[in-house]
Amino acid sequence: MTCALVLLCAVIFLTGPVSGFLPVYGTGSALHRAQVSYLNDWGVVPRALWSGALRPLITPLTALFLHGSWLHLLGNLLFLHVFGGPVEMRMGRLRFAVCYLTVGYVAMLCYAAAHHQSAETLVGASGAVSGVLGAFLYLHPTARVTSLFPFLYFLPLRFPAWLVLVFWLAVQWVAARGDTDGPGVAYLAHVVGFTLGFLYAWARFRRFRTATVGTPAPATQGESTP
């Protein structure tokens, strides 16, 4: 499922006007108009979402598969590829897909509610991918991940997942507090998605942890009753 989501996002981007690959969308100003129209039609426009019309209500779902640039696409797909596989293995394909789509949809809704007067278009899988990160934190907190930090001269260093992801969430939270209605990164969607993904994993798997902790370990051969 992780590979299918990565492939689907890539194909949609490459065949859409934003990539600029297909000549059918034209060039120059014609291409720009096609890009704007495409993103407005299938992305989330908060002001339109709360207008009472039914069609905009599907855009928080369709927007999860759209991206505004190559950098936007590659960043989301990299995180999804790295963290999605282990989470999917624990959840199973169907539950992983439901979690991904539901968390992404609700993250978009929350951002749109907080910026309900905005006419800026919101696209990208960031909210859903953030949910995957949140689930990974609960399911694999002690796993070690390789990270690059600018202030450490981009040296590849390995840290526990909980340290990296909590630091990432803190950065998103600080940035979200200064969020505006203008174009930019939807940090609030990241925070909401991460939180929902963590809570979903907690609600779904906490009883297995409790059972594991509460079940006594089996006796070794030397401890068994004669």
N, C-alpha and C. Protein backbone atom coordinates (compact mmCIF):
# COMPACT_ATOMS: atom_id res chain seq x y z
N MET A 1 0.82 -1.20 0.00
CA MET A 1 0.00 0.00 0.00
C MET A 1 0.87 1.26 0.00
N THR A 2 1.95 1.24 0.76
CA THR A 2 2.86 2.40 0.77
C THR A 2 3.41 2.67 -0.62
N CYS A 3 3.86 1.60 -1.28
CA CYS A 3 4.39 1.75 -2.64
C CYS A 3 3.32 2.23 -3.60
N ALA A 4 2.09 1.75 -3.42
CA ALA A 4 1.00 2.17 -4.29
C ALA A 4 0.69 3.65 -4.11
N LEU A 5 0.71 4.14 -2.87
CA LEU A 5 0.46 5.55 -2.61
C LEU A 5 1.57 6.42 -3.20
N VAL A 6 2.81 5.97 -3.04
CA VAL A 6 3.95 6.71 -3.61
C VAL A 6 3.81 6.78 -5.12
N LEU A 7 3.52 5.65 -5.74
CA LEU A 7 3.39 5.59 -7.20
C LEU A 7 2.24 6.44 -7.68
N LEU A 8 1.10 6.39 -6.98
CA LEU A 8 -0.07 7.16 -7.40
C LEU A 8 0.21 8.65 -7.35
N CYS A 9 0.82 9.12 -6.27
CA CYS A 9 1.15 10.54 -6.17
C CYS A 9 2.11 10.96 -7.28
N ALA A 10 3.09 10.11 -7.58
CA ALA A 10 4.07 10.43 -8.62
C ALA A 10 3.41 10.50 -9.99
N VAL A 11 2.56 9.53 -10.29
CA VAL A 11 1.89 9.49 -11.60
C VAL A 11 0.97 10.69 -11.77
N ILE A 12 0.21 11.02 -10.74
CA ILE A 12 -0.71 12.16 -10.82
C ILE A 12 0.07 13.45 -11.04
N PHE A 13 1.20 13.58 -10.36
CA PHE A 13 2.00 14.80 -10.54
C PHE A 13 2.57 14.87 -11.95
N LEU A 14 3.13 13.77 -12.44
CA LEU A 14 3.78 13.77 -13.75
C LEU A 14 2.80 13.99 -14.89
N THR A 15 1.56 13.53 -14.72
CA THR A 15 0.57 13.68 -15.79
C THR A 15 -0.26 14.95 -15.66
N GLY A 16 -0.06 15.70 -14.59
CA GLY A 16 -0.79 16.95 -14.40
C GLY A 16 -0.02 18.14 -14.94
N PRO A 17 -0.63 19.31 -14.96
CA PRO A 17 0.03 20.50 -15.53
C PRO A 17 1.15 21.04 -14.67
N VAL A 18 1.18 20.74 -13.37
CA VAL A 18 2.19 21.32 -12.49
C VAL A 18 3.58 20.86 -12.87
N SER A 19 3.73 19.61 -13.30
CA SER A 19 5.04 19.09 -13.68
C SER A 19 5.58 19.75 -14.95
N GLY A 20 4.67 20.18 -15.83
CA GLY A 20 5.10 20.80 -17.09
C GLY A 20 5.60 19.81 -18.11
N PHE A 21 5.39 18.51 -17.88
CA PHE A 21 5.89 17.48 -18.78
C PHE A 21 5.08 17.36 -20.07
N LEU A 22 3.77 17.44 -19.95
CA LEU A 22 2.91 17.18 -21.11
C LEU A 22 2.63 18.46 -21.88
N PRO A 23 2.91 18.46 -23.18
CA PRO A 23 2.70 19.66 -23.99
C PRO A 23 1.23 20.04 -24.18
N VAL A 24 0.33 19.12 -23.83
CA VAL A 24 -1.10 19.39 -24.03
C VAL A 24 -1.56 20.58 -23.20
N TYR A 25 -0.85 20.90 -22.11
CA TYR A 25 -1.25 22.02 -21.26
C TYR A 25 -0.68 23.35 -21.75
N GLY A 26 0.12 23.32 -22.81
CA GLY A 26 0.67 24.55 -23.36
C GLY A 26 1.94 24.99 -22.64
N THR A 27 2.35 26.21 -22.92
CA THR A 27 3.54 26.77 -22.30
C THR A 27 3.26 28.20 -21.85
N GLY A 28 4.18 28.76 -21.08
CA GLY A 28 4.05 30.15 -20.69
C GLY A 28 2.80 30.43 -19.89
N SER A 29 2.09 31.47 -20.30
CA SER A 29 0.89 31.90 -19.56
C SER A 29 -0.22 30.85 -19.65
N ALA A 30 -0.30 30.13 -20.77
CA ALA A 30 -1.33 29.10 -20.90
C ALA A 30 -1.08 27.98 -19.89
N LEU A 31 0.17 27.60 -19.73
CA LEU A 31 0.51 26.56 -18.75
C LEU A 31 0.21 27.05 -17.34
N HIS A 32 0.52 28.29 -17.06
CA HIS A 32 0.27 28.84 -15.72
C HIS A 32 -1.23 28.83 -15.41
N ARG A 33 -2.05 29.22 -16.39
CA ARG A 33 -3.51 29.22 -16.19
C ARG A 33 -4.02 27.80 -15.95
N ALA A 34 -3.46 26.83 -16.69
CA ALA A 34 -3.87 25.44 -16.51
C ALA A 34 -3.49 24.93 -15.11
N GLN A 35 -2.34 25.33 -14.65
CA GLN A 35 -1.90 24.92 -13.31
C GLN A 35 -2.81 25.49 -12.23
N VAL A 36 -3.11 26.77 -12.33
CA VAL A 36 -3.97 27.43 -11.34
C VAL A 36 -5.36 26.81 -11.34
N SER A 37 -5.91 26.59 -12.52
CA SER A 37 -7.24 26.01 -12.64
C SER A 37 -7.27 24.59 -12.08
N TYR A 38 -6.24 23.82 -12.37
CA TYR A 38 -6.16 22.43 -11.91
C TYR A 38 -6.11 22.35 -10.39
N LEU A 39 -5.26 23.16 -9.78
CA LEU A 39 -5.13 23.14 -8.32
C LEU A 39 -6.38 23.68 -7.63
N ASN A 40 -7.01 24.69 -8.22
CA ASN A 40 -8.24 25.23 -7.64
C ASN A 40 -9.40 24.23 -7.72
N ASP A 41 -9.42 23.44 -8.80
CA ASP A 41 -10.50 22.47 -8.98
C ASP A 41 -10.37 21.29 -8.02
N TRP A 42 -9.15 20.81 -7.77
CA TRP A 42 -8.95 19.59 -7.01
C TRP A 42 -8.27 19.80 -5.67
N GLY A 43 -7.79 21.01 -5.39
CA GLY A 43 -7.22 21.31 -4.09
C GLY A 43 -8.26 21.89 -3.15
N VAL A 44 -7.86 22.11 -1.91
CA VAL A 44 -8.77 22.65 -0.89
C VAL A 44 -8.67 24.17 -0.87
N VAL A 45 -9.79 24.82 -1.12
CA VAL A 45 -9.89 26.27 -0.96
C VAL A 45 -10.79 26.50 0.25
N PRO A 46 -10.23 26.89 1.40
CA PRO A 46 -11.02 26.97 2.64
C PRO A 46 -12.31 27.77 2.51
N ARG A 47 -12.26 28.89 1.83
CA ARG A 47 -13.46 29.71 1.69
C ARG A 47 -14.57 28.95 0.96
N ALA A 48 -14.19 28.18 -0.07
CA ALA A 48 -15.18 27.42 -0.83
C ALA A 48 -15.66 26.19 -0.06
N LEU A 49 -14.79 25.64 0.78
CA LEU A 49 -15.12 24.42 1.52
C LEU A 49 -16.30 24.65 2.45
N TRP A 50 -16.39 25.86 3.02
CA TRP A 50 -17.45 26.16 3.97
C TRP A 50 -18.59 26.95 3.33
N SER A 51 -18.67 26.90 2.00
CA SER A 51 -19.71 27.66 1.31
C SER A 51 -21.06 26.96 1.34
N GLY A 52 -21.10 25.69 1.69
CA GLY A 52 -22.35 24.93 1.71
C GLY A 52 -22.53 24.04 0.50
N ALA A 53 -21.68 24.19 -0.52
CA ALA A 53 -21.75 23.33 -1.70
C ALA A 53 -21.17 21.96 -1.36
N LEU A 54 -21.63 20.92 -2.06
CA LEU A 54 -21.20 19.56 -1.77
C LEU A 54 -19.86 19.21 -2.42
N ARG A 55 -19.62 19.67 -3.64
CA ARG A 55 -18.42 19.25 -4.35
C ARG A 55 -17.12 19.59 -3.61
N PRO A 56 -16.99 20.78 -3.01
CA PRO A 56 -15.74 21.08 -2.31
C PRO A 56 -15.42 20.11 -1.17
N LEU A 57 -16.42 19.37 -0.68
CA LEU A 57 -16.19 18.46 0.43
C LEU A 57 -15.33 17.25 0.03
N ILE A 58 -15.20 17.00 -1.28
CA ILE A 58 -14.33 15.90 -1.70
C ILE A 58 -12.89 16.36 -1.87
N THR A 59 -12.68 17.68 -1.91
CA THR A 59 -11.32 18.17 -2.20
C THR A 59 -10.30 17.87 -1.10
N PRO A 60 -10.67 17.74 0.20
CA PRO A 60 -9.65 17.33 1.16
C PRO A 60 -9.09 15.93 0.87
N LEU A 61 -9.84 15.13 0.12
CA LEU A 61 -9.35 13.81 -0.27
C LEU A 61 -8.52 13.89 -1.54
N THR A 62 -9.03 14.57 -2.55
CA THR A 62 -8.28 14.67 -3.81
C THR A 62 -6.99 15.47 -3.63
N ALA A 63 -7.01 16.44 -2.73
CA ALA A 63 -5.82 17.28 -2.52
C ALA A 63 -4.65 16.49 -1.96
N LEU A 64 -4.93 15.34 -1.33
CA LEU A 64 -3.86 14.52 -0.76
C LEU A 64 -2.94 13.96 -1.84
N PHE A 65 -3.40 13.92 -3.08
CA PHE A 65 -2.61 13.33 -4.15
C PHE A 65 -2.04 14.38 -5.10
N LEU A 66 -2.19 15.64 -4.76
CA LEU A 66 -1.65 16.73 -5.57
C LEU A 66 -0.48 17.39 -4.87
N HIS A 67 0.44 17.92 -5.65
CA HIS A 67 1.59 18.63 -5.09
C HIS A 67 1.91 19.83 -5.95
N GLY A 68 2.42 20.87 -5.30
CA GLY A 68 2.63 22.13 -5.98
C GLY A 68 3.97 22.30 -6.66
N SER A 69 4.91 21.39 -6.40
CA SER A 69 6.24 21.50 -7.00
C SER A 69 6.97 20.16 -6.86
N TRP A 70 8.10 20.06 -7.56
CA TRP A 70 8.92 18.86 -7.44
C TRP A 70 9.42 18.67 -6.01
N LEU A 71 9.86 19.76 -5.39
CA LEU A 71 10.39 19.67 -4.03
C LEU A 71 9.31 19.21 -3.06
N HIS A 72 8.11 19.75 -3.23
CA HIS A 72 6.97 19.36 -2.40
C HIS A 72 6.68 17.87 -2.54
N LEU A 73 6.66 17.39 -3.77
CA LEU A 73 6.38 15.99 -4.05
C LEU A 73 7.45 15.08 -3.45
N LEU A 74 8.72 15.36 -3.75
CA LEU A 74 9.81 14.48 -3.33
C LEU A 74 9.95 14.44 -1.82
N GLY A 75 9.73 15.58 -1.15
CA GLY A 75 9.82 15.60 0.30
C GLY A 75 8.77 14.70 0.93
N ASN A 76 7.53 14.80 0.49
CA ASN A 76 6.46 13.97 1.04
C ASN A 76 6.67 12.49 0.74
N LEU A 77 7.07 12.18 -0.49
CA LEU A 77 7.24 10.78 -0.85
C LEU A 77 8.43 10.15 -0.14
N LEU A 78 9.46 10.93 0.14
CA LEU A 78 10.60 10.40 0.89
C LEU A 78 10.18 9.99 2.30
N PHE A 79 9.45 10.87 2.98
CA PHE A 79 8.99 10.54 4.33
C PHE A 79 8.01 9.37 4.32
N LEU A 80 7.13 9.35 3.33
CA LEU A 80 6.17 8.25 3.24
C LEU A 80 6.87 6.92 2.99
N HIS A 81 7.88 6.93 2.13
CA HIS A 81 8.61 5.70 1.81
C HIS A 81 9.38 5.19 3.02
N VAL A 82 10.02 6.08 3.77
CA VAL A 82 10.86 5.68 4.90
C VAL A 82 10.02 5.18 6.07
N PHE A 83 8.97 5.91 6.41
CA PHE A 83 8.20 5.58 7.61
C PHE A 83 6.94 4.76 7.33
N GLY A 84 6.47 4.78 6.10
CA GLY A 84 5.21 4.10 5.81
C GLY A 84 5.30 2.59 5.87
N GLY A 85 6.41 2.01 5.38
CA GLY A 85 6.55 0.56 5.35
C GLY A 85 6.42 -0.10 6.72
N PRO A 86 7.21 0.33 7.72
CA PRO A 86 7.09 -0.28 9.05
C PRO A 86 5.71 -0.11 9.68
N VAL A 87 5.08 1.05 9.45
CA VAL A 87 3.75 1.27 10.01
C VAL A 87 2.73 0.36 9.33
N GLU A 88 2.84 0.22 8.01
CA GLU A 88 1.92 -0.65 7.29
C GLU A 88 2.06 -2.10 7.72
N MET A 89 3.29 -2.52 7.99
CA MET A 89 3.50 -3.91 8.42
C MET A 89 2.80 -4.19 9.75
N ARG A 90 2.75 -3.23 10.64
CA ARG A 90 2.07 -3.41 11.92
C ARG A 90 0.56 -3.31 11.77
N MET A 91 0.10 -2.38 10.95
CA MET A 91 -1.34 -2.15 10.84
C MET A 91 -2.03 -3.10 9.88
N GLY A 92 -1.32 -3.50 8.83
CA GLY A 92 -1.96 -4.21 7.74
C GLY A 92 -2.36 -3.23 6.65
N ARG A 93 -2.50 -3.71 5.44
CA ARG A 93 -2.72 -2.84 4.29
C ARG A 93 -3.99 -2.01 4.40
N LEU A 94 -5.10 -2.67 4.72
CA LEU A 94 -6.39 -1.98 4.72
C LEU A 94 -6.43 -0.92 5.82
N ARG A 95 -6.04 -1.28 7.05
CA ARG A 95 -6.06 -0.32 8.15
C ARG A 95 -5.11 0.84 7.88
N PHE A 96 -3.97 0.54 7.29
CA PHE A 96 -3.01 1.60 6.97
C PHE A 96 -3.62 2.58 5.97
N ALA A 97 -4.28 2.06 4.94
CA ALA A 97 -4.89 2.93 3.93
C ALA A 97 -5.99 3.78 4.54
N VAL A 98 -6.83 3.16 5.39
CA VAL A 98 -7.91 3.90 6.05
C VAL A 98 -7.35 4.98 6.95
N CYS A 99 -6.32 4.64 7.72
CA CYS A 99 -5.69 5.62 8.61
C CYS A 99 -5.09 6.77 7.80
N TYR A 100 -4.39 6.46 6.73
CA TYR A 100 -3.74 7.47 5.89
C TYR A 100 -4.76 8.45 5.32
N LEU A 101 -5.81 7.92 4.72
CA LEU A 101 -6.79 8.77 4.06
C LEU A 101 -7.63 9.56 5.07
N THR A 102 -8.02 8.91 6.17
CA THR A 102 -8.85 9.58 7.16
C THR A 102 -8.09 10.69 7.86
N VAL A 103 -6.88 10.39 8.29
CA VAL A 103 -6.06 11.39 8.97
C VAL A 103 -5.76 12.56 8.03
N GLY A 104 -5.42 12.26 6.78
CA GLY A 104 -5.15 13.32 5.83
C GLY A 104 -6.36 14.20 5.58
N TYR A 105 -7.53 13.58 5.46
CA TYR A 105 -8.77 14.33 5.23
C TYR A 105 -9.06 15.26 6.41
N VAL A 106 -9.00 14.72 7.63
CA VAL A 106 -9.32 15.53 8.81
C VAL A 106 -8.29 16.63 9.02
N ALA A 107 -7.02 16.36 8.73
CA ALA A 107 -5.99 17.39 8.86
C ALA A 107 -6.27 18.55 7.92
N MET A 108 -6.71 18.24 6.70
CA MET A 108 -7.08 19.29 5.75
C MET A 108 -8.28 20.09 6.27
N LEU A 109 -9.26 19.39 6.81
CA LEU A 109 -10.45 20.06 7.34
C LEU A 109 -10.09 21.02 8.48
N CYS A 110 -9.23 20.57 9.36
CA CYS A 110 -8.85 21.40 10.52
C CYS A 110 -8.11 22.65 10.06
N TYR A 111 -7.22 22.50 9.09
CA TYR A 111 -6.52 23.67 8.57
C TYR A 111 -7.51 24.63 7.92
N ALA A 112 -8.45 24.09 7.14
CA ALA A 112 -9.44 24.93 6.47
C ALA A 112 -10.34 25.64 7.47
N ALA A 113 -10.67 24.97 8.58
CA ALA A 113 -11.51 25.59 9.60
C ALA A 113 -10.77 26.74 10.29
N ALA A 114 -9.47 26.55 10.51
CA ALA A 114 -8.68 27.59 11.17
C ALA A 114 -8.42 28.78 10.25
N HIS A 115 -8.51 28.56 8.93
CA HIS A 115 -8.27 29.63 7.95
C HIS A 115 -9.48 29.71 7.02
N HIS A 116 -10.67 29.79 7.61
CA HIS A 116 -11.90 29.64 6.83
C HIS A 116 -12.15 30.77 5.84
N GLN A 117 -11.48 31.90 5.99
CA GLN A 117 -11.67 33.00 5.05
C GLN A 117 -10.61 33.02 3.94
N SER A 118 -9.69 32.07 3.98
CA SER A 118 -8.59 32.06 3.02
C SER A 118 -9.07 31.59 1.65
N ALA A 119 -8.55 32.23 0.61
CA ALA A 119 -8.82 31.81 -0.77
C ALA A 119 -7.62 31.09 -1.37
N GLU A 120 -6.57 30.85 -0.57
CA GLU A 120 -5.39 30.16 -1.04
C GLU A 120 -5.66 28.66 -1.12
N THR A 121 -5.13 28.02 -2.16
CA THR A 121 -5.36 26.59 -2.37
C THR A 121 -4.37 25.76 -1.56
N LEU A 122 -4.89 24.73 -0.91
CA LEU A 122 -4.06 23.82 -0.12
C LEU A 122 -4.01 22.47 -0.81
N VAL A 123 -2.79 21.98 -1.09
CA VAL A 123 -2.61 20.66 -1.70
C VAL A 123 -1.44 19.97 -1.01
N GLY A 124 -1.38 18.65 -1.20
CA GLY A 124 -0.24 17.90 -0.69
C GLY A 124 -0.63 16.81 0.29
N ALA A 125 0.24 15.81 0.37
CA ALA A 125 0.01 14.67 1.26
C ALA A 125 0.58 14.89 2.65
N SER A 126 1.03 16.12 2.95
CA SER A 126 1.74 16.37 4.20
C SER A 126 0.95 15.97 5.44
N GLY A 127 -0.35 16.28 5.49
CA GLY A 127 -1.16 15.94 6.65
C GLY A 127 -1.23 14.44 6.86
N ALA A 128 -1.44 13.69 5.76
CA ALA A 128 -1.52 12.23 5.86
C ALA A 128 -0.16 11.63 6.22
N VAL A 129 0.90 12.14 5.60
CA VAL A 129 2.25 11.65 5.90
C VAL A 129 2.62 11.95 7.35
N SER A 130 2.20 13.11 7.84
CA SER A 130 2.44 13.43 9.25
C SER A 130 1.74 12.43 10.16
N GLY A 131 0.56 11.97 9.75
CA GLY A 131 -0.13 10.92 10.50
C GLY A 131 0.68 9.64 10.55
N VAL A 132 1.34 9.31 9.45
CA VAL A 132 2.21 8.13 9.42
C VAL A 132 3.37 8.31 10.41
N LEU A 133 3.92 9.52 10.48
CA LEU A 133 5.01 9.79 11.43
C LEU A 133 4.52 9.62 12.87
N GLY A 134 3.31 10.12 13.16
CA GLY A 134 2.77 9.98 14.50
C GLY A 134 2.55 8.52 14.87
N ALA A 135 2.03 7.73 13.94
CA ALA A 135 1.84 6.31 14.19
C ALA A 135 3.17 5.60 14.39
N PHE A 136 4.16 5.99 13.61
CA PHE A 136 5.50 5.40 13.74
C PHE A 136 6.08 5.68 15.13
N LEU A 137 5.87 6.88 15.63
CA LEU A 137 6.38 7.23 16.95
C LEU A 137 5.81 6.30 18.02
N TYR A 138 4.53 5.99 17.94
CA TYR A 138 3.94 5.10 18.94
C TYR A 138 4.37 3.65 18.73
N LEU A 139 4.42 3.21 17.49
CA LEU A 139 4.69 1.80 17.21
C LEU A 139 6.16 1.44 17.28
N HIS A 140 7.04 2.38 16.93
CA HIS A 140 8.49 2.09 16.89
C HIS A 140 9.29 3.21 17.54
N PRO A 141 9.04 3.52 18.80
CA PRO A 141 9.70 4.68 19.42
C PRO A 141 11.21 4.53 19.58
N THR A 142 11.70 3.30 19.70
CA THR A 142 13.13 3.10 19.93
C THR A 142 13.91 2.82 18.65
N ALA A 143 13.22 2.75 17.52
CA ALA A 143 13.93 2.57 16.25
C ALA A 143 14.86 3.75 16.02
N ARG A 144 15.95 3.49 15.34
CA ARG A 144 16.92 4.56 15.06
C ARG A 144 16.79 4.97 13.60
N VAL A 145 16.78 6.28 13.37
CA VAL A 145 16.64 6.82 12.02
C VAL A 145 17.81 7.74 11.72
N THR A 146 18.23 7.74 10.48
CA THR A 146 19.32 8.61 10.05
C THR A 146 18.76 9.98 9.71
N SER A 147 19.35 11.02 10.27
CA SER A 147 18.84 12.38 10.08
C SER A 147 19.97 13.31 9.67
N LEU A 148 19.58 14.37 8.93
CA LEU A 148 20.52 15.41 8.52
C LEU A 148 20.06 16.73 9.12
N PHE A 149 20.92 17.38 9.88
CA PHE A 149 20.59 18.67 10.49
C PHE A 149 21.50 19.75 9.92
N PRO A 150 20.92 20.87 9.41
CA PRO A 150 21.74 21.93 8.83
C PRO A 150 22.78 22.48 9.79
N PHE A 151 22.40 22.64 11.07
CA PHE A 151 23.34 23.23 12.02
C PHE A 151 24.46 22.27 12.42
N LEU A 152 24.38 21.02 11.95
CA LEU A 152 25.46 20.05 12.16
C LEU A 152 26.14 19.73 10.83
N TYR A 153 26.07 20.70 9.90
CA TYR A 153 26.74 20.59 8.61
C TYR A 153 26.24 19.38 7.79
N PHE A 154 24.96 19.02 7.98
CA PHE A 154 24.31 17.97 7.23
C PHE A 154 25.01 16.61 7.38
N LEU A 155 25.66 16.40 8.50
CA LEU A 155 26.27 15.10 8.75
C LEU A 155 25.18 14.06 9.00
N PRO A 156 25.26 12.88 8.36
CA PRO A 156 24.25 11.84 8.61
C PRO A 156 24.47 11.21 9.98
N LEU A 157 23.53 11.43 10.89
CA LEU A 157 23.63 10.93 12.25
C LEU A 157 22.39 10.10 12.57
N ARG A 158 22.56 9.08 13.39
CA ARG A 158 21.45 8.20 13.76
C ARG A 158 20.98 8.53 15.16
N PHE A 159 19.67 8.76 15.28
CA PHE A 159 19.06 9.10 16.56
C PHE A 159 17.85 8.20 16.78
N PRO A 160 17.42 8.03 18.04
CA PRO A 160 16.17 7.31 18.29
C PRO A 160 15.00 8.03 17.62
N ALA A 161 14.05 7.26 17.13
CA ALA A 161 12.91 7.85 16.42
C ALA A 161 12.16 8.83 17.29
N TRP A 162 12.00 8.52 18.57
CA TRP A 162 11.22 9.41 19.44
C TRP A 162 11.87 10.78 19.52
N LEU A 163 13.20 10.85 19.53
CA LEU A 163 13.89 12.13 19.64
C LEU A 163 13.71 12.95 18.36
N VAL A 164 13.88 12.30 17.22
CA VAL A 164 13.77 13.00 15.93
C VAL A 164 12.34 13.48 15.70
N LEU A 165 11.36 12.61 15.96
CA LEU A 165 9.98 12.95 15.65
C LEU A 165 9.39 13.96 16.62
N VAL A 166 9.77 13.89 17.89
CA VAL A 166 9.30 14.89 18.84
C VAL A 166 9.90 16.25 18.50
N PHE A 167 11.17 16.27 18.11
CA PHE A 167 11.80 17.52 17.68
C PHE A 167 11.10 18.07 16.44
N TRP A 168 10.79 17.20 15.49
CA TRP A 168 10.10 17.62 14.27
C TRP A 168 8.73 18.21 14.61
N LEU A 169 8.00 17.55 15.50
CA LEU A 169 6.67 18.03 15.89
C LEU A 169 6.76 19.39 16.57
N ALA A 170 7.76 19.57 17.42
CA ALA A 170 7.92 20.85 18.11
C ALA A 170 8.17 21.98 17.10
N VAL A 171 8.98 21.70 16.09
CA VAL A 171 9.25 22.71 15.05
C VAL A 171 7.96 23.05 14.31
N GLN A 172 7.16 22.04 13.98
CA GLN A 172 5.90 22.28 13.27
C GLN A 172 4.93 23.08 14.12
N TRP A 173 4.90 22.81 15.43
CA TRP A 173 3.99 23.52 16.33
C TRP A 173 4.37 24.98 16.45
N VAL A 174 5.66 25.26 16.59
CA VAL A 174 6.12 26.64 16.68
C VAL A 174 5.79 27.39 15.39
N ALA A 175 6.03 26.73 14.25
CA ALA A 175 5.74 27.37 12.96
C ALA A 175 4.24 27.57 12.77
N ALA A 176 3.43 26.61 13.25
CA ALA A 176 1.97 26.72 13.08
C ALA A 176 1.40 27.91 13.84
N ARG A 177 2.02 28.27 14.95
CA ARG A 177 1.51 29.40 15.74
C ARG A 177 1.68 30.72 15.00
N GLY A 178 2.60 30.76 14.05
CA GLY A 178 2.79 31.97 13.26
C GLY A 178 2.19 31.87 11.88
N ASP A 179 1.37 30.83 11.65
CA ASP A 179 0.75 30.61 10.34
C ASP A 179 -0.19 31.76 9.99
N THR A 180 -0.24 32.09 8.70
CA THR A 180 -1.15 33.11 8.20
C THR A 180 -2.02 32.51 7.11
N ASP A 181 -2.91 33.32 6.58
CA ASP A 181 -3.79 32.85 5.51
C ASP A 181 -3.11 32.88 4.15
N GLY A 182 -1.92 33.39 4.08
CA GLY A 182 -1.24 33.51 2.80
C GLY A 182 -0.63 32.19 2.35
N PRO A 183 -0.04 32.15 1.14
CA PRO A 183 0.57 30.92 0.64
C PRO A 183 1.77 30.54 1.50
N GLY A 184 2.03 29.27 1.57
CA GLY A 184 3.14 28.78 2.38
C GLY A 184 2.89 27.35 2.80
N VAL A 185 3.55 26.93 3.87
CA VAL A 185 3.43 25.56 4.36
C VAL A 185 2.30 25.48 5.39
N ALA A 186 1.46 24.46 5.27
CA ALA A 186 0.33 24.30 6.19
C ALA A 186 0.80 23.55 7.44
N TYR A 187 1.51 24.25 8.31
CA TYR A 187 2.08 23.59 9.49
C TYR A 187 1.00 23.04 10.40
N LEU A 188 -0.13 23.71 10.49
CA LEU A 188 -1.20 23.23 11.35
C LEU A 188 -1.69 21.86 10.90
N ALA A 189 -1.76 21.64 9.61
CA ALA A 189 -2.17 20.34 9.09
C ALA A 189 -1.17 19.27 9.50
N HIS A 190 0.11 19.63 9.56
CA HIS A 190 1.14 18.68 10.00
C HIS A 190 0.92 18.29 11.46
N VAL A 191 0.67 19.29 12.30
CA VAL A 191 0.48 19.04 13.73
C VAL A 191 -0.76 18.18 13.96
N VAL A 192 -1.85 18.52 13.29
CA VAL A 192 -3.10 17.76 13.45
C VAL A 192 -2.92 16.33 12.95
N GLY A 193 -2.31 16.18 11.77
CA GLY A 193 -2.10 14.85 11.21
C GLY A 193 -1.23 13.98 12.11
N PHE A 194 -0.14 14.53 12.61
CA PHE A 194 0.75 13.79 13.50
C PHE A 194 0.01 13.33 14.75
N THR A 195 -0.74 14.24 15.35
CA THR A 195 -1.47 13.92 16.58
C THR A 195 -2.50 12.83 16.34
N LEU A 196 -3.25 12.93 15.24
CA LEU A 196 -4.27 11.93 14.94
C LEU A 196 -3.65 10.57 14.64
N GLY A 197 -2.53 10.56 13.91
CA GLY A 197 -1.85 9.30 13.62
C GLY A 197 -1.36 8.61 14.89
N PHE A 198 -0.81 9.40 15.81
CA PHE A 198 -0.35 8.85 17.08
C PHE A 198 -1.52 8.29 17.88
N LEU A 199 -2.62 9.04 17.95
CA LEU A 199 -3.78 8.60 18.71
C LEU A 199 -4.42 7.35 18.10
N TYR A 200 -4.44 7.28 16.78
CA TYR A 200 -4.99 6.09 16.13
C TYR A 200 -4.17 4.85 16.50
N ALA A 201 -2.84 4.97 16.41
CA ALA A 201 -1.99 3.83 16.76
C ALA A 201 -2.13 3.47 18.23
N TRP A 202 -2.25 4.48 19.09
CA TRP A 202 -2.43 4.23 20.52
C TRP A 202 -3.74 3.49 20.78
N ALA A 203 -4.82 3.96 20.17
CA ALA A 203 -6.13 3.34 20.39
C ALA A 203 -6.19 1.92 19.82
N ARG A 204 -5.50 1.71 18.72
CA ARG A 204 -5.58 0.41 18.04
C ARG A 204 -4.65 -0.62 18.67
N PHE A 205 -3.49 -0.22 19.18
CA PHE A 205 -2.48 -1.19 19.60
C PHE A 205 -2.14 -1.16 21.08
N ARG A 206 -2.72 -0.28 21.86
CA ARG A 206 -2.32 -0.20 23.26
C ARG A 206 -2.69 -1.47 24.02
N ARG A 207 -3.79 -2.12 23.66
CA ARG A 207 -4.18 -3.33 24.38
C ARG A 207 -3.19 -4.47 24.14
N PHE A 208 -2.53 -4.45 22.96
CA PHE A 208 -1.52 -5.48 22.71
C PHE A 208 -0.29 -5.25 23.57
N ARG A 209 0.06 -3.97 23.78
CA ARG A 209 1.17 -3.67 24.67
C ARG A 209 0.84 -4.09 26.09
N THR A 210 -0.40 -3.79 26.52
CA THR A 210 -0.80 -4.17 27.88
C THR A 210 -0.76 -5.68 28.05
N ALA A 211 -1.22 -6.41 27.06
CA ALA A 211 -1.22 -7.86 27.14
C ALA A 211 0.20 -8.40 27.20
N THR A 212 1.09 -7.77 26.41
CA THR A 212 2.48 -8.23 26.38
C THR A 212 3.15 -7.99 27.72
N VAL A 213 2.89 -6.80 28.29
CA VAL A 213 3.52 -6.47 29.57
C VAL A 213 2.94 -7.31 30.69
N GLY A 214 1.64 -7.58 30.67
CA GLY A 214 0.98 -8.26 31.77
C GLY A 214 1.11 -9.77 31.73
N THR A 215 1.56 -10.37 30.62
CA THR A 215 1.67 -11.81 30.52
C THR A 215 3.02 -12.27 31.03
N PRO A 216 3.08 -13.18 32.00
CA PRO A 216 4.37 -13.64 32.52
C PRO A 216 5.13 -14.39 31.47
N ALA A 217 6.45 -14.27 31.52
CA ALA A 217 7.31 -14.96 30.57
C ALA A 217 7.27 -16.45 30.84
N PRO A 218 7.34 -17.29 29.79
CA PRO A 218 7.31 -18.73 29.99
C PRO A 218 8.55 -19.20 30.73
N ALA A 219 8.39 -20.23 31.56
CA ALA A 219 9.52 -20.76 32.33
C ALA A 219 10.50 -21.47 31.43
N THR A 220 11.77 -21.37 31.81
CA THR A 220 12.79 -22.12 31.08
C THR A 220 12.71 -23.58 31.49
N GLN A 221 13.47 -24.42 30.81
CA GLN A 221 13.41 -25.85 31.08
C GLN A 221 13.82 -26.17 32.50
N GLY A 222 14.81 -25.39 33.03
CA GLY A 222 15.28 -25.68 34.39
C GLY A 222 14.29 -25.24 35.43
N GLU A 223 13.33 -24.35 35.09
CA GLU A 223 12.36 -23.86 36.07
C GLU A 223 11.04 -24.64 36.01
N SER A 224 10.89 -25.51 35.04
CA SER A 224 9.62 -26.20 34.86
C SER A 224 9.41 -27.24 35.97
N THR A 225 8.14 -27.51 36.22
CA THR A 225 7.81 -28.48 37.27
C THR A 225 8.19 -29.88 36.83
N PRO A 226 8.84 -30.67 37.70
CA PRO A 226 9.23 -32.06 37.32
C PRO A 226 8.01 -32.88 36.98
